[in-house]
Amino acid sequence: MQVNLKAEHALAEVKAATGKDWEEWFSILDNRGGIAQGRRSIGEFLYKECKLDPWWCATINVEYEAARGAIEKDGRAKGYMICVTKTITAPVDKAYAAWASAEGLNQWFSTKNKAEVSDGERYSNADGDTGVFKRVRKNKDLRFTWENPAHTSPSLVDVVFQGQGKR
């Protein structure tokens, strides 16, 4: 029930803020040339012609790309990326070990993680987060999706382990 309420709330929120629901916006953008017109052009159209708040311009743009399956050459979803770097004073193998098990994930994400950290395996936790490990390279990196019913599309997460001075 909570998932449906969150989805309905998101739908109601976009409609209340912009006067249109997701499908109406996607149809308008399709009729203007779709993904081929590019993010900048779509953003300018939404801002200048539709008079939307910049936050809604970016949100509609990202949701449109996700809904239409726009992907980059490397297979990642097209859209905005956030890069956070954290330096930890620990050997690479110990830092990796802190991510490579359900118990370790309890330290980074929610609680009650269930995970087998290997390619293609799923994880879940008490917050309702789920995902799939896309790539697991011991002591090098983890790539996995982060999904939650409160969000409209999954995020791709890369955790990279490097020794000091190896940038």
Protein backbone atom coordinates (compact mmCIF):
# COMPACT_ATOMS: atom_id res chain seq x y z
CA MET A 1 0.00 0.00 0.00
CA GLN A 2 2.83 2.43 0.83
CA VAL A 3 4.38 2.03 -2.64
CA ASN A 4 1.11 2.92 -4.37
CA LEU A 5 0.62 5.96 -2.17
CA LYS A 6 4.13 7.20 -2.96
CA ALA A 7 3.62 6.71 -6.71
CA GLU A 8 0.25 8.47 -6.55
CA HIS A 9 1.82 11.29 -4.55
CA ALA A 10 4.60 11.75 -7.17
CA LEU A 11 2.02 11.78 -9.95
CA ALA A 12 -0.14 14.27 -8.07
CA GLU A 13 2.91 16.41 -7.32
CA VAL A 14 4.00 16.82 -10.95
CA LYS A 15 0.41 17.54 -12.02
CA ALA A 16 -0.09 20.08 -9.22
CA ALA A 17 3.22 21.85 -9.88
CA THR A 18 3.15 21.88 -13.69
CA GLY A 19 -0.47 21.34 -14.74
CA LYS A 20 0.39 18.12 -16.59
CA ASP A 21 1.17 14.54 -15.64
CA TRP A 22 4.22 12.58 -16.80
CA GLU A 23 2.59 11.11 -19.91
CA GLU A 24 1.32 14.52 -21.01
CA TRP A 25 4.85 15.97 -20.71
CA PHE A 26 6.38 12.97 -22.49
CA SER A 27 3.87 13.29 -25.34
CA ILE A 28 4.66 17.00 -25.75
CA LEU A 29 8.40 16.25 -25.87
CA ASP A 30 7.88 13.35 -28.31
CA ASN A 31 5.93 15.67 -30.62
CA ARG A 32 8.78 18.22 -30.51
CA GLY A 33 11.35 15.72 -31.76
CA GLY A 34 11.94 13.47 -28.78
CA ILE A 35 15.30 12.63 -27.29
CA ALA A 36 17.10 13.68 -30.50
CA GLN A 37 16.52 17.36 -29.69
CA GLY A 38 18.94 17.03 -26.75
CA ARG A 39 18.81 17.85 -23.07
CA ARG A 40 19.71 21.53 -23.49
CA SER A 41 16.99 22.14 -26.06
CA ILE A 42 14.40 20.30 -23.99
CA GLY A 43 15.41 22.26 -20.89
CA GLU A 44 15.21 25.59 -22.71
CA PHE A 45 11.80 24.71 -24.10
CA LEU A 46 10.46 23.75 -20.68
CA TYR A 47 11.90 26.88 -19.06
CA LYS A 48 11.31 29.54 -21.71
CA GLU A 49 8.16 28.38 -23.44
CA CYS A 50 6.43 26.38 -20.73
CA LYS A 51 7.54 28.77 -17.96
CA LEU A 52 8.47 25.98 -15.56
CA ASP A 53 10.62 26.30 -12.48
CA PRO A 54 14.21 25.17 -13.22
CA TRP A 55 13.84 22.23 -10.81
CA TRP A 56 10.84 20.91 -12.76
CA CYS A 57 12.67 21.47 -16.07
CA ALA A 58 15.50 19.21 -14.91
CA THR A 59 13.16 16.66 -13.31
CA ILE A 60 10.96 16.32 -16.40
CA ASN A 61 14.06 16.11 -18.60
CA VAL A 62 15.61 13.28 -16.55
CA GLU A 63 12.32 11.38 -16.22
CA TYR A 64 11.71 11.72 -19.96
CA GLU A 65 15.13 10.28 -20.80
CA ALA A 66 14.55 7.39 -18.38
CA ALA A 67 11.07 6.70 -19.76
CA ARG A 68 12.37 6.66 -23.34
CA GLY A 69 15.38 4.47 -22.50
CA ALA A 70 18.02 7.02 -23.44
CA ILE A 71 21.42 5.55 -22.66
CA GLU A 72 25.02 6.61 -23.12
CA LYS A 73 27.60 4.67 -25.18
CA ASP A 74 28.78 2.86 -22.04
CA GLY A 75 25.26 1.53 -21.36
CA ARG A 76 24.55 3.84 -18.45
CA ALA A 77 21.31 5.72 -18.33
CA LYS A 78 21.61 9.23 -19.71
CA GLY A 79 21.08 11.82 -17.04
CA TYR A 80 22.73 13.65 -14.23
CA MET A 81 25.45 12.07 -12.18
CA ILE A 82 26.59 12.76 -8.66
CA CYS A 83 30.12 11.89 -7.67
CA VAL A 84 30.99 11.67 -4.00
CA THR A 85 34.51 10.83 -2.91
CA LYS A 86 35.38 9.62 0.57
CA THR A 87 38.91 8.89 1.70
CA ILE A 88 39.11 6.19 4.33
CA THR A 89 42.28 5.40 6.23
CA ALA A 90 42.23 1.64 5.72
CA PRO A 91 43.83 -0.92 3.47
CA VAL A 92 41.90 -1.51 0.22
CA ASP A 93 41.09 -5.12 1.13
CA LYS A 94 39.54 -4.07 4.46
CA ALA A 95 37.50 -1.28 2.84
CA TYR A 96 36.28 -3.70 0.18
CA ALA A 97 35.38 -6.31 2.81
CA ALA A 98 33.20 -3.69 4.54
CA TRP A 99 31.04 -3.53 1.39
CA ALA A 100 31.21 -7.13 0.19
CA SER A 101 28.72 -8.78 2.57
CA ALA A 102 25.23 -8.23 3.94
CA GLU A 103 26.76 -7.48 7.35
CA GLY A 104 29.09 -4.94 5.81
CA LEU A 105 26.25 -3.27 3.92
CA ASN A 106 24.45 -2.80 7.25
CA GLN A 107 27.18 -0.26 8.07
CA TRP A 108 26.58 1.74 4.86
CA PHE A 109 22.89 1.27 4.07
CA SER A 110 19.89 0.68 6.29
CA THR A 111 19.69 -2.55 8.30
CA LYS A 112 18.70 -6.12 7.66
CA ASN A 113 20.57 -6.29 4.37
CA LYS A 114 20.23 -9.52 2.45
CA ALA A 115 22.91 -9.83 -0.20
CA GLU A 116 25.19 -12.14 -2.05
CA VAL A 117 27.79 -9.78 -3.43
CA SER A 118 28.53 -11.26 -6.85
CA ASP A 119 27.68 -10.45 -10.47
CA GLY A 120 23.96 -10.68 -11.20
CA GLU A 121 22.87 -11.22 -7.59
CA ARG A 122 20.27 -9.08 -5.80
CA TYR A 123 20.28 -7.31 -2.46
CA SER A 124 17.53 -5.84 -0.28
CA ASN A 125 17.25 -4.08 3.08
CA ALA A 126 14.82 -2.85 5.73
CA ASP A 127 14.30 0.53 4.00
CA GLY A 128 12.84 -1.21 0.95
CA ASP A 129 15.98 -0.63 -1.11
CA THR A 130 16.78 -3.35 -3.63
CA GLY A 131 19.21 -3.74 -6.46
CA VAL A 132 21.36 -5.95 -8.62
CA PHE A 133 25.13 -6.23 -8.55
CA LYS A 134 26.16 -5.49 -12.14
CA ARG A 135 29.91 -5.87 -11.65
CA VAL A 136 31.91 -7.10 -8.68
CA ARG A 137 35.72 -6.99 -8.85
CA LYS A 138 37.34 -7.92 -5.56
CA ASN A 139 39.33 -5.06 -4.03
CA LYS A 140 38.68 -2.91 -7.12
CA ASP A 141 35.03 -1.91 -7.44
CA LEU A 142 31.35 -2.70 -7.04
CA ARG A 143 28.72 -1.56 -9.52
CA PHE A 144 25.09 -2.04 -8.56
CA THR A 145 21.66 -0.59 -9.07
CA TRP A 146 19.93 1.15 -6.20
CA GLU A 147 16.17 0.94 -6.44
CA ASN A 148 13.45 2.11 -4.10
CA PRO A 149 9.68 2.29 -4.70
CA ALA A 150 9.73 5.97 -3.70
CA HIS A 151 11.84 6.78 -6.78
CA THR A 152 10.77 6.55 -10.39
CA SER A 153 13.91 4.97 -11.80
CA PRO A 154 16.91 3.06 -10.46
CA SER A 155 20.27 4.69 -9.87
CA LEU A 156 23.56 3.15 -10.82
CA VAL A 157 26.13 3.18 -8.01
CA ASP A 158 29.86 2.65 -8.49
CA VAL A 159 32.02 2.12 -5.42
CA VAL A 160 35.70 2.21 -6.34
CA PHE A 161 38.50 1.06 -4.07
CA GLN A 162 41.95 2.55 -4.67
CA GLY A 163 45.12 2.61 -2.67
CA GLN A 164 46.54 6.02 -1.81
CA GLY A 165 48.26 7.64 -4.78
CA LYS A 166 46.49 5.47 -7.42
CA ARG A 167 44.24 8.02 -9.08
